[in-house]
Amino acid sequence: MEKKIPMRQCLGCREMKPKKELIRVVRSPEGEISLDFKGKASGRGAYICPNGACLKKAIKAKALERAFSAGIPPEIYEKLQEQMEGGADG
């Protein structure tokens, strides 16, 4: 029996993709917003493709703000941008 691959929707392109291919942004129970590269942090998670086009769409649509019902600090977007440009996998 094949192992089920967890799928998540990208906030930018709105496509369903394997969870491992996406970057997770998480809002902790304390309300802190950060990037979660391990996918293990507790809190509400939202996912985005690791490419600039999806990030731009998500920012323009305020998708992260809606996902978390909270304002997103600019440094979170900066970290996402750096992550995508650097191509590092946390």
PDB file of N, CA and C in Angstrom:
ATOM      1  N   MET A   1       0.840  -1.187   0.000  1.00  0.00           N
ATOM      2  CA  MET A   1       0.000   0.000   0.000  1.00  0.00           C
ATOM      3  C   MET A   1       0.887   1.254   0.000  1.00  0.00           C
ATOM      4  N   GLU A   2       0.590   2.178  -0.924  1.00  0.00           N
ATOM      5  CA  GLU A   2       1.399   3.390  -1.033  1.00  0.00           C
ATOM      6  C   GLU A   2       1.135   4.359   0.106  1.00  0.00           C
ATOM      7  N   LYS A   3       2.204   5.054   0.494  1.00  0.00           N
ATOM      8  CA  LYS A   3       2.078   6.049   1.557  1.00  0.00           C
ATOM      9  C   LYS A   3       1.398   7.296   1.000  1.00  0.00           C
ATOM     10  N   LYS A   4       0.432   7.831   1.756  1.00  0.00           N
ATOM     11  CA  LYS A   4      -0.301   9.016   1.316  1.00  0.00           C
ATOM     12  C   LYS A   4       0.603  10.248   1.447  1.00  0.00           C
ATOM     13  N   ILE A   5       0.632  11.074   0.399  1.00  0.00           N
ATOM     14  CA  ILE A   5       1.442  12.293   0.433  1.00  0.00           C
ATOM     15  C   ILE A   5       0.540  13.440   0.890  1.00  0.00           C
ATOM     16  N   PRO A   6       0.917  14.111   2.006  1.00  0.00           N
ATOM     17  CA  PRO A   6       0.071  15.222   2.455  1.00  0.00           C
ATOM     18  C   PRO A   6       0.147  16.396   1.472  1.00  0.00           C
ATOM     19  N   MET A   7      -1.014  16.884   1.064  1.00  0.00           N
ATOM     20  CA  MET A   7      -1.086  17.988   0.108  1.00  0.00           C
ATOM     21  C   MET A   7      -1.549  19.254   0.823  1.00  0.00           C
ATOM     22  N   ARG A   8      -1.020  20.401   0.381  1.00  0.00           N
ATOM     23  CA  ARG A   8      -1.417  21.685   0.936  1.00  0.00           C
ATOM     24  C   ARG A   8      -1.601  22.667  -0.212  1.00  0.00           C
ATOM     25  N   GLN A   9      -2.426  23.683   0.016  1.00  0.00           N
ATOM     26  CA  GLN A   9      -2.683  24.672  -1.025  1.00  0.00           C
ATOM     27  C   GLN A   9      -1.768  25.881  -0.844  1.00  0.00           C
ATOM     28  N   CYS A  10      -1.130  26.289  -1.925  1.00  0.00           N
ATOM     29  CA  CYS A  10      -0.276  27.474  -1.910  1.00  0.00           C
ATOM     30  C   CYS A  10      -1.165  28.710  -1.856  1.00  0.00           C
ATOM     31  N   LEU A  11      -0.806  29.666  -0.998  1.00  0.00           N
ATOM     32  CA  LEU A  11      -1.589  30.888  -0.881  1.00  0.00           C
ATOM     33  C   LEU A  11      -1.448  31.789  -2.104  1.00  0.00           C
ATOM     34  N   GLY A  12      -0.359  31.612  -2.876  1.00  0.00           N
ATOM     35  CA  GLY A  12      -0.145  32.455  -4.052  1.00  0.00           C
ATOM     36  C   GLY A  12      -0.897  31.953  -5.267  1.00  0.00           C
ATOM     37  N   CYS A  13      -0.533  30.753  -5.739  1.00  0.00           N
ATOM     38  CA  CYS A  13      -1.117  30.215  -6.972  1.00  0.00           C
ATOM     39  C   CYS A  13      -2.386  29.402  -6.720  1.00  0.00           C
ATOM     40  N   ARG A  14      -2.680  29.112  -5.443  1.00  0.00           N
ATOM     41  CA  ARG A  14      -3.872  28.354  -5.039  1.00  0.00           C
ATOM     42  C   ARG A  14      -3.875  26.911  -5.550  1.00  0.00           C
ATOM     43  N   GLU A  15      -2.693  26.396  -5.907  1.00  0.00           N
ATOM     44  CA  GLU A  15      -2.592  25.008  -6.376  1.00  0.00           C
ATOM     45  C   GLU A  15      -2.277  24.088  -5.208  1.00  0.00           C
ATOM     46  N   MET A  16      -2.806  22.873  -5.275  1.00  0.00           N
ATOM     47  CA  MET A  16      -2.499  21.855  -4.277  1.00  0.00           C
ATOM     48  C   MET A  16      -1.159  21.228  -4.642  1.00  0.00           C
ATOM     49  N   LYS A  17      -0.243  21.203  -3.692  1.00  0.00           N
ATOM     50  CA  LYS A  17       1.081  20.630  -3.929  1.00  0.00           C
ATOM     51  C   LYS A  17       1.502  19.820  -2.709  1.00  0.00           C
ATOM     52  N   PRO A  18       2.463  18.897  -2.898  1.00  0.00           N
ATOM     53  CA  PRO A  18       2.952  18.140  -1.732  1.00  0.00           C
ATOM     54  C   PRO A  18       3.515  19.092  -0.677  1.00  0.00           C
ATOM     55  N   LYS A  19       3.159  18.841   0.562  1.00  0.00           N
ATOM     56  CA  LYS A  19       3.558  19.680   1.693  1.00  0.00           C
ATOM     57  C   LYS A  19       5.059  19.942   1.725  1.00  0.00           C
ATOM     58  N   LYS A  20       5.856  18.921   1.396  1.00  0.00           N
ATOM     59  CA  LYS A  20       7.318  19.030   1.450  1.00  0.00           C
ATOM     60  C   LYS A  20       7.878  20.068   0.474  1.00  0.00           C
ATOM     61  N   GLU A  21       7.139  20.349  -0.600  1.00  0.00           N
ATOM     62  CA  GLU A  21       7.615  21.299  -1.612  1.00  0.00           C
ATOM     63  C   GLU A  21       7.329  22.748  -1.238  1.00  0.00           C
ATOM     64  N   LEU A  22       6.522  22.964  -0.219  1.00  0.00           N
ATOM     65  CA  LEU A  22       6.086  24.308   0.142  1.00  0.00           C
ATOM     66  C   LEU A  22       6.796  24.834   1.382  1.00  0.00           C
ATOM     67  N   ILE A  23       6.813  26.162   1.526  1.00  0.00           N
ATOM     68  CA  ILE A  23       7.367  26.794   2.725  1.00  0.00           C
ATOM     69  C   ILE A  23       6.197  27.056   3.670  1.00  0.00           C
ATOM     70  N   ARG A  24       6.357  26.690   4.930  1.00  0.00           N
ATOM     71  CA  ARG A  24       5.291  26.881   5.910  1.00  0.00           C
ATOM     72  C   ARG A  24       5.536  28.147   6.717  1.00  0.00           C
ATOM     73  N   VAL A  25       4.503  28.973   6.788  1.00  0.00           N
ATOM     74  CA  VAL A  25       4.521  30.152   7.651  1.00  0.00           C
ATOM     75  C   VAL A  25       3.577  29.787   8.791  1.00  0.00           C
ATOM     76  N   VAL A  26       3.992  30.020  10.025  1.00  0.00           N
ATOM     77  CA  VAL A  26       3.193  29.573  11.164  1.00  0.00           C
ATOM     78  C   VAL A  26       2.919  30.714  12.139  1.00  0.00           C
ATOM     79  N   ARG A  27       1.692  30.738  12.677  1.00  0.00           N
ATOM     80  CA  ARG A  27       1.363  31.657  13.767  1.00  0.00           C
ATOM     81  C   ARG A  27       1.253  30.815  15.019  1.00  0.00           C
ATOM     82  N   SER A  28       2.145  31.084  15.965  1.00  0.00           N
ATOM     83  CA  SER A  28       2.173  30.307  17.202  1.00  0.00           C
ATOM     84  C   SER A  28       0.950  30.635  18.053  1.00  0.00           C
ATOM     85  N   PRO A  29       0.664  29.793  19.057  1.00  0.00           N
ATOM     86  CA  PRO A  29      -0.464  30.085  19.950  1.00  0.00           C
ATOM     87  C   PRO A  29      -0.328  31.449  20.641  1.00  0.00           C
ATOM     88  N   GLU A  30       0.912  31.959  20.755  1.00  0.00           N
ATOM     89  CA  GLU A  30       1.136  33.271  21.375  1.00  0.00           C
ATOM     90  C   GLU A  30       0.914  34.403  20.369  1.00  0.00           C
ATOM     91  N   GLY A  31       0.670  34.068  19.110  1.00  0.00           N
ATOM     92  CA  GLY A  31       0.422  35.078  18.090  1.00  0.00           C
ATOM     93  C   GLY A  31       1.664  35.505  17.326  1.00  0.00           C
ATOM     94  N   GLU A  32       2.786  34.822  17.562  1.00  0.00           N
ATOM     95  CA  GLU A  32       4.040  35.143  16.882  1.00  0.00           C
ATOM     96  C   GLU A  32       4.050  34.491  15.506  1.00  0.00           C
ATOM     97  N   ILE A  33       4.454  35.259  14.493  1.00  0.00           N
ATOM     98  CA  ILE A  33       4.476  34.713  13.138  1.00  0.00           C
ATOM     99  C   ILE A  33       5.916  34.479  12.709  1.00  0.00           C
ATOM    100  N   SER A  34       6.192  33.280  12.196  1.00  0.00           N
ATOM    101  CA  SER A  34       7.552  32.943  11.789  1.00  0.00           C
ATOM    102  C   SER A  34       7.516  31.917  10.660  1.00  0.00           C
ATOM    103  N   LEU A  35       8.705  31.647  10.101  1.00  0.00           N
ATOM    104  CA  LEU A  35       8.825  30.625   9.067  1.00  0.00           C
ATOM    105  C   LEU A  35       9.188  29.310   9.743  1.00  0.00           C
ATOM    106  N   ASP A  36       8.577  28.241   9.283  1.00  0.00           N
ATOM    107  CA  ASP A  36       8.794  26.927   9.888  1.00  0.00           C
ATOM    108  C   ASP A  36       9.277  25.975   8.797  1.00  0.00           C
ATOM    109  N   PHE A  37      10.600  25.744   8.766  1.00  0.00           N
ATOM    110  CA  PHE A  37      11.157  24.913   7.695  1.00  0.00           C
ATOM    111  C   PHE A  37      11.070  23.429   8.007  1.00  0.00           C
ATOM    112  N   LYS A  38      10.906  23.073   9.259  1.00  0.00           N
ATOM    113  CA  LYS A  38      10.800  21.662   9.640  1.00  0.00           C
ATOM    114  C   LYS A  38       9.352  21.170   9.539  1.00  0.00           C
ATOM    115  N   GLY A  39       8.397  22.091   9.566  1.00  0.00           N
ATOM    116  CA  GLY A  39       6.989  21.703   9.501  1.00  0.00           C
ATOM    117  C   GLY A  39       6.478  21.126  10.808  1.00  0.00           C
ATOM    118  N   LYS A  40       7.196  21.394  11.900  1.00  0.00           N
ATOM    119  CA  LYS A  40       6.835  20.792  13.180  1.00  0.00           C
ATOM    120  C   LYS A  40       6.367  21.801  14.229  1.00  0.00           C
ATOM    121  N   ALA A  41       6.527  23.101  13.950  1.00  0.00           N
ATOM    122  CA  ALA A  41       6.167  24.118  14.943  1.00  0.00           C
ATOM    123  C   ALA A  41       4.668  24.077  15.215  1.00  0.00           C
ATOM    124  N   SER A  42       4.297  24.293  16.471  1.00  0.00           N
ATOM    125  CA  SER A  42       2.877  24.255  16.796  1.00  0.00           C
ATOM    126  C   SER A  42       2.250  25.589  16.435  1.00  0.00           C
ATOM    127  N   GLY A  43       1.017  25.556  16.023  1.00  0.00           N
ATOM    128  CA  GLY A  43       0.295  26.756  15.648  1.00  0.00           C
ATOM    129  C   GLY A  43      -0.372  26.595  14.300  1.00  0.00           C
ATOM    130  N   ARG A  44      -0.968  27.675  13.838  1.00  0.00           N
ATOM    131  CA  ARG A  44      -1.692  27.689  12.579  1.00  0.00           C
ATOM    132  C   ARG A  44      -0.702  27.847  11.439  1.00  0.00           C
ATOM    133  N   GLY A  45      -0.750  26.950  10.487  1.00  0.00           N
ATOM    134  CA  GLY A  45       0.187  26.997   9.373  1.00  0.00           C
ATOM    135  C   GLY A  45      -0.469  27.432   8.077  1.00  0.00           C
ATOM    136  N   ALA A  46       0.301  28.129   7.259  1.00  0.00           N
ATOM    137  CA  ALA A  46      -0.132  28.486   5.908  1.00  0.00           C
ATOM    138  C   ALA A  46       1.054  28.187   4.996  1.00  0.00           C
ATOM    139  N   TYR A  47       0.786  27.813   3.780  1.00  0.00           N
ATOM    140  CA  TYR A  47       1.845  27.331   2.896  1.00  0.00           C
ATOM    141  C   TYR A  47       1.952  28.189   1.650  1.00  0.00           C
ATOM    142  N   ILE A  48       3.194  28.294   1.158  1.00  0.00           N
ATOM    143  CA  ILE A  48       3.437  29.066  -0.057  1.00  0.00           C
ATOM    144  C   ILE A  48       4.547  28.395  -0.872  1.00  0.00           C
ATOM    145  N   CYS A  49       4.402  28.414  -2.205  1.00  0.00           N
ATOM    146  CA  CYS A  49       5.427  27.842  -3.084  1.00  0.00           C
ATOM    147  C   CYS A  49       6.735  28.608  -2.913  1.00  0.00           C
ATOM    148  N   PRO A  50       7.869  27.925  -3.050  1.00  0.00           N
ATOM    149  CA  PRO A  50       9.157  28.621  -2.917  1.00  0.00           C
ATOM    150  C   PRO A  50       9.549  29.375  -4.184  1.00  0.00           C
ATOM    151  N   ASN A  51       8.645  30.213  -4.715  1.00  0.00           N
ATOM    152  CA  ASN A  51       9.020  31.059  -5.856  1.00  0.00           C
ATOM    153  C   ASN A  51       8.426  32.450  -5.708  1.00  0.00           C
ATOM    154  N   GLY A  52       9.133  33.414  -6.257  1.00  0.00           N
ATOM    155  CA  GLY A  52       8.775  34.816  -6.087  1.00  0.00           C
ATOM    156  C   GLY A  52       7.396  35.192  -6.611  1.00  0.00           C
ATOM    157  N   ALA A  53       6.975  34.569  -7.702  1.00  0.00           N
ATOM    158  CA  ALA A  53       5.678  34.903  -8.293  1.00  0.00           C
ATOM    159  C   ALA A  53       4.540  34.593  -7.323  1.00  0.00           C
ATOM    160  N   CYS A  54       4.616  33.440  -6.675  1.00  0.00           N
ATOM    161  CA  CYS A  54       3.581  33.071  -5.708  1.00  0.00           C
ATOM    162  C   CYS A  54       3.608  34.003  -4.494  1.00  0.00           C
ATOM    163  N   LEU A  55       4.801  34.368  -4.062  1.00  0.00           N
ATOM    164  CA  LEU A  55       4.929  35.281  -2.928  1.00  0.00           C
ATOM    165  C   LEU A  55       4.304  36.629  -3.266  1.00  0.00           C
ATOM    166  N   LYS A  56       4.584  37.129  -4.473  1.00  0.00           N
ATOM    167  CA  LYS A  56       4.016  38.418  -4.893  1.00  0.00           C
ATOM    168  C   LYS A  56       2.488  38.362  -4.905  1.00  0.00           C
ATOM    169  N   LYS A  57       1.945  37.268  -5.448  1.00  0.00           N
ATOM    170  CA  LYS A  57       0.488  37.108  -5.494  1.00  0.00           C
ATOM    171  C   LYS A  57      -0.093  37.075  -4.084  1.00  0.00           C
ATOM    172  N   ALA A  58       0.576  36.328  -3.187  1.00  0.00           N
ATOM    173  CA  ALA A  58       0.088  36.198  -1.808  1.00  0.00           C
ATOM    174  C   ALA A  58       0.123  37.545  -1.093  1.00  0.00           C
ATOM    175  N   ILE A  59       1.177  38.327  -1.334  1.00  0.00           N
ATOM    176  CA  ILE A  59       1.280  39.650  -0.704  1.00  0.00           C
ATOM    177  C   ILE A  59       0.184  40.565  -1.246  1.00  0.00           C
ATOM    178  N   LYS A  60       0.022  40.566  -2.563  1.00  0.00           N
ATOM    179  CA  LYS A  60      -0.968  41.435  -3.201  1.00  0.00           C
ATOM    180  C   LYS A  60      -2.383  41.105  -2.719  1.00  0.00           C
ATOM    181  N   ALA A  61      -2.677  39.821  -2.572  1.00  0.00           N
ATOM    182  CA  ALA A  61      -4.009  39.389  -2.147  1.00  0.00           C
ATOM    183  C   ALA A  61      -4.167  39.403  -0.625  1.00  0.00           C
ATOM    184  N   LYS A  62      -3.095  39.782   0.080  1.00  0.00           N
ATOM    185  CA  LYS A  62      -3.088  39.748   1.558  1.00  0.00           C
ATOM    186  C   LYS A  62      -3.515  38.369   2.078  1.00  0.00           C
ATOM    187  N   ALA A  63      -3.048  37.334   1.387  1.00  0.00           N
ATOM    188  CA  ALA A  63      -3.449  35.961   1.703  1.00  0.00           C
ATOM    189  C   ALA A  63      -2.972  35.523   3.093  1.00  0.00           C
ATOM    190  N   LEU A  64      -1.744  35.903   3.479  1.00  0.00           N
ATOM    191  CA  LEU A  64      -1.253  35.516   4.802  1.00  0.00           C
ATOM    192  C   LEU A  64      -2.048  36.215   5.903  1.00  0.00           C
ATOM    193  N   GLU A  65      -2.353  37.488   5.690  1.00  0.00           N
ATOM    194  CA  GLU A  65      -3.153  38.214   6.681  1.00  0.00           C
ATOM    195  C   GLU A  65      -4.499  37.529   6.890  1.00  0.00           C
ATOM    196  N   ARG A  66      -5.114  37.114   5.777  1.00  0.00           N
ATOM    197  CA  ARG A  66      -6.413  36.442   5.878  1.00  0.00           C
ATOM    198  C   ARG A  66      -6.287  35.076   6.544  1.00  0.00           C
ATOM    199  N   ALA A  67      -5.239  34.343   6.194  1.00  0.00           N
ATOM    200  CA  ALA A  67      -5.049  33.001   6.744  1.00  0.00           C
ATOM    201  C   ALA A  67      -4.902  33.051   8.267  1.00  0.00           C
ATOM    202  N   PHE A  68      -4.239  34.090   8.763  1.00  0.00           N
ATOM    203  CA  PHE A  68      -3.972  34.178  10.199  1.00  0.00           C
ATOM    204  C   PHE A  68      -4.875  35.163  10.921  1.00  0.00           C
ATOM    205  N   SER A  69      -5.729  35.879  10.197  1.00  0.00           N
ATOM    206  CA  SER A  69      -6.557  36.941  10.785  1.00  0.00           C
ATOM    207  C   SER A  69      -5.698  37.889  11.612  1.00  0.00           C
ATOM    208  N   ALA A  70      -4.531  38.243  11.069  1.00  0.00           N
ATOM    209  CA  ALA A  70      -3.595  39.109  11.786  1.00  0.00           C
ATOM    210  C   ALA A  70      -2.699  39.826  10.783  1.00  0.00           C
ATOM    211  N   GLY A  71      -2.119  40.936  11.212  1.00  0.00           N
ATOM    212  CA  GLY A  71      -1.172  41.649  10.371  1.00  0.00           C
ATOM    213  C   GLY A  71       0.125  40.859  10.281  1.00  0.00           C
ATOM    214  N   ILE A  72       0.798  40.953   9.168  1.00  0.00           N
ATOM    215  CA  ILE A  72       2.056  40.229   8.969  1.00  0.00           C
ATOM    216  C   ILE A  72       3.200  41.240   9.016  1.00  0.00           C
ATOM    217  N   PRO A  73       4.175  41.054   9.921  1.00  0.00           N
ATOM    218  CA  PRO A  73       5.320  41.976   9.972  1.00  0.00           C
ATOM    219  C   PRO A  73       6.120  41.928   8.669  1.00  0.00           C
ATOM    220  N   PRO A  74       6.615  43.086   8.206  1.00  0.00           N
ATOM    221  CA  PRO A  74       7.366  43.118   6.943  1.00  0.00           C
ATOM    222  C   PRO A  74       8.567  42.165   6.937  1.00  0.00           C
ATOM    223  N   GLU A  75       9.174  41.932   8.109  1.00  0.00           N
ATOM    224  CA  GLU A  75      10.356  41.052   8.136  1.00  0.00           C
ATOM    225  C   GLU A  75      10.008  39.607   7.754  1.00  0.00           C
ATOM    226  N   ILE A  76       8.774  39.199   7.954  1.00  0.00           N
ATOM    227  CA  ILE A  76       8.356  37.853   7.533  1.00  0.00           C
ATOM    228  C   ILE A  76       8.415  37.764   6.007  1.00  0.00           C
ATOM    229  N   TYR A  77       7.896  38.787   5.324  1.00  0.00           N
ATOM    230  CA  TYR A  77       7.958  38.805   3.864  1.00  0.00           C
ATOM    231  C   TYR A  77       9.408  38.865   3.394  1.00  0.00           C
ATOM    232  N   GLU A  78      10.241  39.632   4.117  1.00  0.00           N
ATOM    233  CA  GLU A  78      11.656  39.724   3.757  1.00  0.00           C
ATOM    234  C   GLU A  78      12.337  38.364   3.884  1.00  0.00           C
ATOM    235  N   LYS A  79      12.035  37.645   4.979  1.00  0.00           N
ATOM    236  CA  LYS A  79      12.620  36.311   5.180  1.00  0.00           C
ATOM    237  C   LYS A  79      12.176  35.361   4.071  1.00  0.00           C
ATOM    238  N   LEU A  80      10.908  35.425   3.713  1.00  0.00           N
ATOM    239  CA  LEU A  80      10.394  34.575   2.630  1.00  0.00           C
ATOM    240  C   LEU A  80      11.125  34.887   1.326  1.00  0.00           C
ATOM    241  N   GLN A  81      11.283  36.176   1.056  1.00  0.00           N
ATOM    242  CA  GLN A  81      11.971  36.601  -0.171  1.00  0.00           C
ATOM    243  C   GLN A  81      13.411  36.073  -0.179  1.00  0.00           C
ATOM    244  N   GLU A  82      14.117  36.241   0.952  1.00  0.00           N
ATOM    245  CA  GLU A  82      15.491  35.751   1.062  1.00  0.00           C
ATOM    246  C   GLU A  82      15.557  34.244   0.846  1.00  0.00           C
ATOM    247  N   GLN A  83      14.612  33.533   1.446  1.00  0.00           N
ATOM    248  CA  GLN A  83      14.563  32.082   1.345  1.00  0.00           C
ATOM    249  C   GLN A  83      14.427  31.641  -0.115  1.00  0.00           C
ATOM    250  N   MET A  84      13.579  32.362  -0.848  1.00  0.00           N
ATOM    251  CA  MET A  84      13.331  32.003  -2.243  1.00  0.00           C
ATOM    252  C   MET A  84      14.526  32.355  -3.114  1.00  0.00           C
ATOM    253  N   GLU A  85      15.145  33.486  -2.865  1.00  0.00           N
ATOM    254  CA  GLU A  85      16.307  33.892  -3.657  1.00  0.00           C
ATOM    255  C   GLU A  85      17.520  33.033  -3.355  1.00  0.00           C
ATOM    256  N   GLY A  86      17.699  32.692  -2.064  1.00  0.00           N
ATOM    257  CA  GLY A  86      18.848  31.889  -1.654  1.00  0.00           C
ATOM    258  C   GLY A  86      18.722  30.434  -2.041  1.00  0.00           C
ATOM    259  N   GLY A  87      17.483  29.959  -2.151  1.00  0.00           N
ATOM    260  CA  GLY A  87      17.249  28.575  -2.505  1.00  0.00           C
ATOM    261  C   GLY A  87      17.660  27.599  -1.418  1.00  0.00           C
ATOM    262  N   ALA A  88      17.927  28.135  -0.212  1.00  0.00           N
ATOM    263  CA  ALA A  88      18.310  27.272   0.919  1.00  0.00           C
ATOM    264  C   ALA A  88      17.085  26.521   1.420  1.00  0.00           C
ATOM    265  N   ASP A  89      17.313  25.349   1.993  1.00  0.00           N
ATOM    266  CA  ASP A  89      16.160  24.639   2.556  1.00  0.00           C
ATOM    267  C   ASP A  89      16.383  24.434   4.056  1.00  0.00           C
ATOM    268  N   GLY A  90      16.189  25.550   4.798  1.00  0.00           N
ATOM    269  CA  GLY A  90      16.266  25.667   6.229  1.00  0.00           C
ATOM    270  C   GLY A  90      16.692  24.524   6.958  1.00  0.00           C
TER     271      GLY A  90
END
